[in-house]
């Protein structure tokens, strides 16, 4: 996996895995906050009935464009759930 800066606006559909390799879900959309054109976080859908998790950009450890997997530097339990 690459740790090179990556445009988070183009990761919709990528699989997200936590630091232990467990699947968190799939990226549903980038989330914006401090800057209108740079995502601060990703909305990750855990499952149809399970809701979403808000993954902060600084929790991303690596992104593999080839396999479309985002590896996190944190465990799944530390990621906030919303809606």
PDB file of N, CA and C in Angstrom:
ATOM      1  N   UNK A   1       0.836  -1.189   0.000  1.00  0.00           N
ATOM      2  CA  UNK A   1       0.000   0.000   0.000  1.00  0.00           C
ATOM      3  C   UNK A   1       0.875   1.244   0.000  1.00  0.00           C
ATOM      4  N   UNK A   2       0.375   2.246  -0.616  1.00  0.00           N
ATOM      5  CA  UNK A   2       1.114   3.496  -0.742  1.00  0.00           C
ATOM      6  C   UNK A   2       0.706   4.486   0.345  1.00  0.00           C
ATOM      7  N   UNK A   3       1.688   5.249   0.825  1.00  0.00           N
ATOM      8  CA  UNK A   3       1.389   6.306   1.784  1.00  0.00           C
ATOM      9  C   UNK A   3       1.517   7.679   1.125  1.00  0.00           C
ATOM     10  N   UNK A   4       1.667   7.679  -0.185  1.00  0.00           N
ATOM     11  CA  UNK A   4       1.750   8.934  -0.940  1.00  0.00           C
ATOM     12  C   UNK A   4       0.412   9.662  -0.832  1.00  0.00           C
ATOM     13  N   UNK A   5       0.469  10.999  -0.808  1.00  0.00           N
ATOM     14  CA  UNK A   5      -0.769  11.788  -0.729  1.00  0.00           C
ATOM     15  C   UNK A   5      -1.734  11.348  -1.824  1.00  0.00           C
ATOM     16  N   UNK A   6      -2.981  11.176  -1.454  1.00  0.00           N
ATOM     17  CA  UNK A   6      -3.983  10.654  -2.379  1.00  0.00           C
ATOM     18  C   UNK A   6      -5.225  11.512  -2.285  1.00  0.00           C
ATOM     19  N   UNK A   7      -5.863  11.737  -3.394  1.00  0.00           N
ATOM     20  CA  UNK A   7      -7.066  12.555  -3.441  1.00  0.00           C
ATOM     21  C   UNK A   7      -8.246  11.762  -2.877  1.00  0.00           C
ATOM     22  N   UNK A   8      -8.699  12.110  -1.688  1.00  0.00           N
ATOM     23  CA  UNK A   8      -9.794  11.382  -1.038  1.00  0.00           C
ATOM     24  C   UNK A   8     -11.134  11.591  -1.725  1.00  0.00           C
ATOM     25  N   UNK A   9     -11.192  12.521  -2.662  1.00  0.00           N
ATOM     26  CA  UNK A   9     -12.438  12.725  -3.401  1.00  0.00           C
ATOM     27  C   UNK A   9     -12.703  11.595  -4.386  1.00  0.00           C
ATOM     28  N   UNK A  10     -11.692  10.776  -4.652  1.00  0.00           N
ATOM     29  CA  UNK A  10     -11.834   9.730  -5.675  1.00  0.00           C
ATOM     30  C   UNK A  10     -11.798   8.309  -5.115  1.00  0.00           C
ATOM     31  N   UNK A  11     -12.162   8.131  -3.847  1.00  0.00           N
ATOM     32  CA  UNK A  11     -12.083   6.794  -3.244  1.00  0.00           C
ATOM     33  C   UNK A  11     -13.455   6.158  -2.981  1.00  0.00           C
ATOM     34  N   UNK A  12     -14.499   6.702  -3.569  1.00  0.00           N
ATOM     35  CA  UNK A  12     -15.835   6.131  -3.385  1.00  0.00           C
ATOM     36  C   UNK A  12     -15.829   4.668  -3.829  1.00  0.00           C
ATOM     37  N   UNK A  13     -16.348   3.790  -2.969  1.00  0.00           N
ATOM     38  CA  UNK A  13     -16.403   2.369  -3.284  1.00  0.00           C
ATOM     39  C   UNK A  13     -15.207   1.570  -2.793  1.00  0.00           C
ATOM     40  N   UNK A  14     -14.148   2.240  -2.348  1.00  0.00           N
ATOM     41  CA  UNK A  14     -12.987   1.523  -1.831  1.00  0.00           C
ATOM     42  C   UNK A  14     -13.367   0.782  -0.547  1.00  0.00           C
ATOM     43  N   UNK A  15     -12.743  -0.366  -0.317  1.00  0.00           N
ATOM     44  CA  UNK A  15     -12.932  -1.121   0.919  1.00  0.00           C
ATOM     45  C   UNK A  15     -12.021  -0.507   1.976  1.00  0.00           C
ATOM     46  N   UNK A  16     -12.517  -0.408   3.208  1.00  0.00           N
ATOM     47  CA  UNK A  16     -11.736   0.140   4.311  1.00  0.00           C
ATOM     48  C   UNK A  16     -11.485  -0.972   5.324  1.00  0.00           C
ATOM     49  N   UNK A  17     -10.203  -1.159   5.689  1.00  0.00           N
ATOM     50  CA  UNK A  17      -9.816  -2.172   6.671  1.00  0.00           C
ATOM     51  C   UNK A  17      -9.096  -1.486   7.829  1.00  0.00           C
ATOM     52  N   UNK A  18      -9.325  -1.978   9.045  1.00  0.00           N
ATOM     53  CA  UNK A  18      -8.692  -1.356  10.212  1.00  0.00           C
ATOM     54  C   UNK A  18      -7.251  -1.844  10.376  1.00  0.00           C
ATOM     55  N   UNK A  19      -6.587  -1.407  11.444  1.00  0.00           N
ATOM     56  CA  UNK A  19      -5.184  -1.734  11.683  1.00  0.00           C
ATOM     57  C   UNK A  19      -4.953  -3.229  11.882  1.00  0.00           C
ATOM     58  N   UNK A  20      -5.988  -3.964  12.256  1.00  0.00           N
ATOM     59  CA  UNK A  20      -5.881  -5.419  12.439  1.00  0.00           C
ATOM     60  C   UNK A  20      -6.260  -6.192  11.176  1.00  0.00           C
ATOM     61  N   UNK A  21      -6.619  -5.473  10.114  1.00  0.00           N
ATOM     62  CA  UNK A  21      -6.996  -6.115   8.863  1.00  0.00           C
ATOM     63  C   UNK A  21      -8.467  -6.466   8.752  1.00  0.00           C
ATOM     64  N   UNK A  22      -9.267  -6.071   9.742  1.00  0.00           N
ATOM     65  CA  UNK A  22     -10.712  -6.349   9.708  1.00  0.00           C
ATOM     66  C   UNK A  22     -11.422  -5.322   8.836  1.00  0.00           C
ATOM     67  N   UNK A  23     -12.393  -5.791   8.063  1.00  0.00           N
ATOM     68  CA  UNK A  23     -13.144  -4.908   7.174  1.00  0.00           C
ATOM     69  C   UNK A  23     -14.048  -3.988   7.995  1.00  0.00           C
ATOM     70  N   UNK A  24     -13.965  -2.698   7.716  1.00  0.00           N
ATOM     71  CA  UNK A  24     -14.820  -1.703   8.354  1.00  0.00           C
ATOM     72  C   UNK A  24     -16.043  -1.452   7.475  1.00  0.00           C
ATOM     73  N   UNK A  25     -15.842  -1.424   6.160  1.00  0.00           N
ATOM     74  CA  UNK A  25     -16.929  -1.193   5.218  1.00  0.00           C
ATOM     75  C   UNK A  25     -16.402  -0.634   3.912  1.00  0.00           C
ATOM     76  N   UNK A  26     -17.288   0.026   3.170  1.00  0.00           N
ATOM     77  CA  UNK A  26     -16.929   0.658   1.891  1.00  0.00           C
ATOM     78  C   UNK A  26     -17.154   2.161   1.984  1.00  0.00           C
ATOM     79  N   UNK A  27     -16.286   2.904   1.323  1.00  0.00           N
ATOM     80  CA  UNK A  27     -16.412   4.366   1.307  1.00  0.00           C
ATOM     81  C   UNK A  27     -17.683   4.739   0.554  1.00  0.00           C
ATOM     82  N   UNK A  28     -18.528   5.487   1.246  1.00  0.00           N
ATOM     83  CA  UNK A  28     -19.764   5.964   0.634  1.00  0.00           C
ATOM     84  C   UNK A  28     -19.566   7.353   0.026  1.00  0.00           C
ATOM     85  N   UNK A  29     -18.824   8.210   0.747  1.00  0.00           N
ATOM     86  CA  UNK A  29     -18.610   9.578   0.262  1.00  0.00           C
ATOM     87  C   UNK A  29     -17.531  10.269   1.085  1.00  0.00           C
ATOM     88  N   UNK A  30     -16.834  11.240   0.477  1.00  0.00           N
ATOM     89  CA  UNK A  30     -15.932  12.084   1.263  1.00  0.00           C
ATOM     90  C   UNK A  30     -16.753  13.070   2.088  1.00  0.00           C
ATOM     91  N   UNK A  31     -16.215  13.487   3.219  1.00  0.00           N
ATOM     92  CA  UNK A  31     -16.885  14.444   4.100  1.00  0.00           C
ATOM     93  C   UNK A  31     -15.994  15.680   4.215  1.00  0.00           C
ATOM     94  N   UNK A  32     -16.611  16.845   4.103  1.00  0.00           N
ATOM     95  CA  UNK A  32     -15.877  18.106   4.111  1.00  0.00           C
ATOM     96  C   UNK A  32     -16.174  18.868   5.398  1.00  0.00           C
ATOM     97  N   UNK A  33     -15.181  19.647   5.852  1.00  0.00           N
ATOM     98  CA  UNK A  33     -15.383  20.418   7.073  1.00  0.00           C
ATOM     99  C   UNK A  33     -14.608  21.711   7.058  1.00  0.00           C
ATOM    100  N   UNK A  34     -13.302  21.634   7.258  1.00  0.00           N
ATOM    101  CA  UNK A  34     -12.495  22.844   7.388  1.00  0.00           C
ATOM    102  C   UNK A  34     -12.250  23.549   6.061  1.00  0.00           C
ATOM    103  N   UNK A  35     -12.186  22.779   4.966  1.00  0.00           N
ATOM    104  CA  UNK A  35     -11.988  23.360   3.637  1.00  0.00           C
ATOM    105  C   UNK A  35     -13.047  22.796   2.697  1.00  0.00           C
ATOM    106  N   UNK A  36     -13.653  23.634   1.871  1.00  0.00           N
ATOM    107  CA  UNK A  36     -14.743  23.162   1.013  1.00  0.00           C
ATOM    108  C   UNK A  36     -14.308  22.234  -0.119  1.00  0.00           C
ATOM    109  N   UNK A  37     -13.007  22.203  -0.425  1.00  0.00           N
ATOM    110  CA  UNK A  37     -12.551  21.375  -1.541  1.00  0.00           C
ATOM    111  C   UNK A  37     -11.609  20.240  -1.136  1.00  0.00           C
ATOM    112  N   UNK A  38     -11.347  20.083   0.164  1.00  0.00           N
ATOM    113  CA  UNK A  38     -10.464  19.022   0.655  1.00  0.00           C
ATOM    114  C   UNK A  38     -11.201  18.227   1.736  1.00  0.00           C
ATOM    115  N   UNK A  39     -11.444  16.934   1.506  1.00  0.00           N
ATOM    116  CA  UNK A  39     -12.165  16.129   2.497  1.00  0.00           C
ATOM    117  C   UNK A  39     -11.369  15.970   3.793  1.00  0.00           C
ATOM    118  N   UNK A  40     -12.071  16.066   4.928  1.00  0.00           N
ATOM    119  CA  UNK A  40     -11.469  15.860   6.246  1.00  0.00           C
ATOM    120  C   UNK A  40     -11.674  14.433   6.730  1.00  0.00           C
ATOM    121  N   UNK A  41     -12.654  13.753   6.139  1.00  0.00           N
ATOM    122  CA  UNK A  41     -13.024  12.418   6.602  1.00  0.00           C
ATOM    123  C   UNK A  41     -13.744  11.671   5.484  1.00  0.00           C
ATOM    124  N   UNK A  42     -14.005  10.396   5.748  1.00  0.00           N
ATOM    125  CA  UNK A  42     -14.759   9.566   4.808  1.00  0.00           C
ATOM    126  C   UNK A  42     -15.962   8.971   5.516  1.00  0.00           C
ATOM    127  N   UNK A  43     -17.101   8.969   4.850  1.00  0.00           N
ATOM    128  CA  UNK A  43     -18.278   8.257   5.353  1.00  0.00           C
ATOM    129  C   UNK A  43     -18.162   6.831   4.839  1.00  0.00           C
ATOM    130  N   UNK A  44     -18.108   5.876   5.767  1.00  0.00           N
ATOM    131  CA  UNK A  44     -17.927   4.469   5.414  1.00  0.00           C
ATOM    132  C   UNK A  44     -19.169   3.694   5.823  1.00  0.00           C
ATOM    133  N   UNK A  45     -19.785   3.033   4.868  1.00  0.00           N
ATOM    134  CA  UNK A  45     -20.996   2.232   5.117  1.00  0.00           C
ATOM    135  C   UNK A  45     -20.548   0.848   5.569  1.00  0.00           C
ATOM    136  N   UNK A  46     -20.985   0.457   6.773  1.00  0.00           N
ATOM    137  CA  UNK A  46     -20.601  -0.836   7.342  1.00  0.00           C
ATOM    138  C   UNK A  46     -21.451  -1.975   6.813  1.00  0.00           C
ATOM    139  N   UNK A  47     -22.663  -1.701   6.477  1.00  0.00           N
ATOM    140  CA  UNK A  47     -23.587  -2.714   5.977  1.00  0.00           C
ATOM    141  C   UNK A  47     -24.933  -2.060   5.773  1.00  0.00           C
ATOM    142  N   UNK A  48     -25.832  -2.739   5.118  1.00  0.00           N
ATOM    143  CA  UNK A  48     -27.124  -2.145   4.797  1.00  0.00           C
ATOM    144  C   UNK A  48     -27.860  -1.649   6.037  1.00  0.00           C
ATOM    145  N   UNK A  49     -27.891  -2.428   7.087  1.00  0.00           N
ATOM    146  CA  UNK A  49     -28.626  -2.051   8.299  1.00  0.00           C
ATOM    147  C   UNK A  49     -27.724  -1.565   9.431  1.00  0.00           C
ATOM    148  N   UNK A  50     -26.431  -1.545   9.231  1.00  0.00           N
ATOM    149  CA  UNK A  50     -25.505  -1.215  10.313  1.00  0.00           C
ATOM    150  C   UNK A  50     -25.131   0.255  10.407  1.00  0.00           C
ATOM    151  N   UNK A  51     -25.487   1.040   9.440  1.00  0.00           N
ATOM    152  CA  UNK A  51     -25.171   2.462   9.509  1.00  0.00           C
ATOM    153  C   UNK A  51     -23.810   2.799   8.939  1.00  0.00           C
ATOM    154  N   UNK A  52     -23.279   3.933   9.371  1.00  0.00           N
ATOM    155  CA  UNK A  52     -22.032   4.453   8.825  1.00  0.00           C
ATOM    156  C   UNK A  52     -21.034   4.749   9.933  1.00  0.00           C
ATOM    157  N   UNK A  53     -19.790   4.840   9.523  1.00  0.00           N
ATOM    158  CA  UNK A  53     -18.718   5.275  10.417  1.00  0.00           C
ATOM    159  C   UNK A  53     -18.038   6.476   9.776  1.00  0.00           C
ATOM    160  N   UNK A  54     -17.577   7.378  10.609  1.00  0.00           N
ATOM    161  CA  UNK A  54     -16.883   8.578  10.149  1.00  0.00           C
ATOM    162  C   UNK A  54     -15.386   8.360  10.359  1.00  0.00           C
ATOM    163  N   UNK A  55     -14.653   8.154   9.274  1.00  0.00           N
ATOM    164  CA  UNK A  55     -13.217   7.877   9.342  1.00  0.00           C
ATOM    165  C   UNK A  55     -12.450   9.169   9.070  1.00  0.00           C
ATOM    166  N   UNK A  56     -11.773   9.714  10.088  1.00  0.00           N
ATOM    167  CA  UNK A  56     -10.998  10.937   9.876  1.00  0.00           C
ATOM    168  C   UNK A  56      -9.832  10.676   8.920  1.00  0.00           C
ATOM    169  N   UNK A  57      -9.473  11.661   8.128  1.00  0.00           N
ATOM    170  CA  UNK A  57      -8.377  11.513   7.163  1.00  0.00           C
ATOM    171  C   UNK A  57      -7.072  11.133   7.848  1.00  0.00           C
ATOM    172  N   UNK A  58      -6.841  11.633   9.063  1.00  0.00           N
ATOM    173  CA  UNK A  58      -5.580  11.315   9.739  1.00  0.00           C
ATOM    174  C   UNK A  58      -5.528   9.889  10.282  1.00  0.00           C
ATOM    175  N   UNK A  59      -6.632   9.145  10.213  1.00  0.00           N
ATOM    176  CA  UNK A  59      -6.645   7.737  10.621  1.00  0.00           C
ATOM    177  C   UNK A  59      -6.270   6.813   9.463  1.00  0.00           C
ATOM    178  N   UNK A  60      -6.105   7.380   8.274  1.00  0.00           N
ATOM    179  CA  UNK A  60      -5.753   6.581   7.098  1.00  0.00           C
ATOM    180  C   UNK A  60      -4.252   6.347   7.092  1.00  0.00           C
ATOM    181  N   UNK A  61      -3.884   5.064   7.095  1.00  0.00           N
ATOM    182  CA  UNK A  61      -2.468   4.707   7.088  1.00  0.00           C
ATOM    183  C   UNK A  61      -1.916   4.550   5.686  1.00  0.00           C
ATOM    184  N   UNK A  62      -2.716   3.964   4.788  1.00  0.00           N
ATOM    185  CA  UNK A  62      -2.260   3.715   3.422  1.00  0.00           C
ATOM    186  C   UNK A  62      -3.451   3.496   2.502  1.00  0.00           C
ATOM    187  N   UNK A  63      -3.225   3.757   1.228  1.00  0.00           N
ATOM    188  CA  UNK A  63      -4.256   3.537   0.214  1.00  0.00           C
ATOM    189  C   UNK A  63      -3.630   2.764  -0.936  1.00  0.00           C
ATOM    190  N   UNK A  64      -4.252   1.656  -1.306  1.00  0.00           N
ATOM    191  CA  UNK A  64      -3.786   0.852  -2.434  1.00  0.00           C
ATOM    192  C   UNK A  64      -4.773   1.023  -3.579  1.00  0.00           C
ATOM    193  N   UNK A  65      -4.363   1.792  -4.569  1.00  0.00           N
ATOM    194  CA  UNK A  65      -5.231   2.065  -5.710  1.00  0.00           C
ATOM    195  C   UNK A  65      -5.522   0.809  -6.516  1.00  0.00           C
ATOM    196  N   UNK A  66      -4.546  -0.085  -6.616  1.00  0.00           N
ATOM    197  CA  UNK A  66      -4.701  -1.296  -7.413  1.00  0.00           C
ATOM    198  C   UNK A  66      -5.788  -2.218  -6.895  1.00  0.00           C
ATOM    199  N   UNK A  67      -5.799  -2.430  -5.579  1.00  0.00           N
ATOM    200  CA  UNK A  67      -6.805  -3.313  -4.974  1.00  0.00           C
ATOM    201  C   UNK A  67      -8.004  -2.545  -4.442  1.00  0.00           C
ATOM    202  N   UNK A  68      -7.922  -1.208  -4.478  1.00  0.00           N
ATOM    203  CA  UNK A  68      -8.992  -0.330  -3.987  1.00  0.00           C
ATOM    204  C   UNK A  68      -9.279  -0.580  -2.502  1.00  0.00           C
ATOM    205  N   UNK A  69      -8.178  -0.651  -1.722  1.00  0.00           N
ATOM    206  CA  UNK A  69      -8.277  -0.866  -0.276  1.00  0.00           C
ATOM    207  C   UNK A  69      -7.616   0.294   0.454  1.00  0.00           C
ATOM    208  N   UNK A  70      -8.299   0.785   1.481  1.00  0.00           N
ATOM    209  CA  UNK A  70      -7.755   1.817   2.360  1.00  0.00           C
ATOM    210  C   UNK A  70      -7.444   1.147   3.686  1.00  0.00           C
ATOM    211  N   UNK A  71      -6.188   1.226   4.100  1.00  0.00           N
ATOM    212  CA  UNK A  71      -5.765   0.664   5.379  1.00  0.00           C
ATOM    213  C   UNK A  71      -5.712   1.753   6.430  1.00  0.00           C
ATOM    214  N   UNK A  72      -6.336   1.494   7.557  1.00  0.00           N
ATOM    215  CA  UNK A  72      -6.356   2.478   8.643  1.00  0.00           C
ATOM    216  C   UNK A  72      -5.233   2.210   9.634  1.00  0.00           C
ATOM    217  N   UNK A  73      -4.856   3.229  10.378  1.00  0.00           N
ATOM    218  CA  UNK A  73      -3.840   3.099  11.417  1.00  0.00           C
ATOM    219  C   UNK A  73      -4.481   2.907  12.788  1.00  0.00           C
ATOM    220  N   UNK A  74      -5.796   2.760  12.821  1.00  0.00           N
ATOM    221  CA  UNK A  74      -6.542   2.585  14.074  1.00  0.00           C
ATOM    222  C   UNK A  74      -7.436   1.348  13.967  1.00  0.00           C
ATOM    223  N   UNK A  75      -7.929   0.885  15.119  1.00  0.00           N
ATOM    224  CA  UNK A  75      -8.844  -0.259  15.120  1.00  0.00           C
ATOM    225  C   UNK A  75     -10.278   0.217  14.910  1.00  0.00           C
ATOM    226  N   UNK A  76     -11.092  -0.677  14.435  1.00  0.00           N
ATOM    227  CA  UNK A  76     -12.488  -0.375  14.075  1.00  0.00           C
ATOM    228  C   UNK A  76     -13.279   0.231  15.238  1.00  0.00           C
ATOM    229  N   UNK A  77     -13.055  -0.249  16.450  1.00  0.00           N
ATOM    230  CA  UNK A  77     -13.822   0.216  17.609  1.00  0.00           C
ATOM    231  C   UNK A  77     -13.582   1.686  17.948  1.00  0.00           C
ATOM    232  N   UNK A  78     -12.479   2.242  17.485  1.00  0.00           N
ATOM    233  CA  UNK A  78     -12.174   3.644  17.800  1.00  0.00           C
ATOM    234  C   UNK A  78     -12.795   4.629  16.804  1.00  0.00           C
ATOM    235  N   UNK A  79     -13.466   4.114  15.783  1.00  0.00           N
ATOM    236  CA  UNK A  79     -14.064   4.973  14.759  1.00  0.00           C
ATOM    237  C   UNK A  79     -15.511   5.284  15.126  1.00  0.00           C
ATOM    238  N   UNK A  80     -15.845   6.564  15.114  1.00  0.00           N
ATOM    239  CA  UNK A  80     -17.185   7.027  15.487  1.00  0.00           C
ATOM    240  C   UNK A  80     -18.260   6.559  14.517  1.00  0.00           C
ATOM    241  N   UNK A  81     -19.394   6.133  15.062  1.00  0.00           N
ATOM    242  CA  UNK A  81     -20.553   5.776  14.239  1.00  0.00           C
ATOM    243  C   UNK A  81     -21.463   6.993  14.115  1.00  0.00           C
ATOM    244  N   UNK A  82     -22.179   7.089  12.984  1.00  0.00           N
ATOM    245  CA  UNK A  82     -23.185   8.133  12.820  1.00  0.00           C
ATOM    246  C   UNK A  82     -24.272   7.637  11.893  1.00  0.00           C
ATOM    247  N   UNK A  83     -25.440   8.218  12.000  1.00  0.00           N
ATOM    248  CA  UNK A  83     -26.624   7.875  11.211  1.00  0.00           C
ATOM    249  C   UNK A  83     -26.602   6.441  10.776  1.00  0.00           C
TER     250      UNK A  83
END
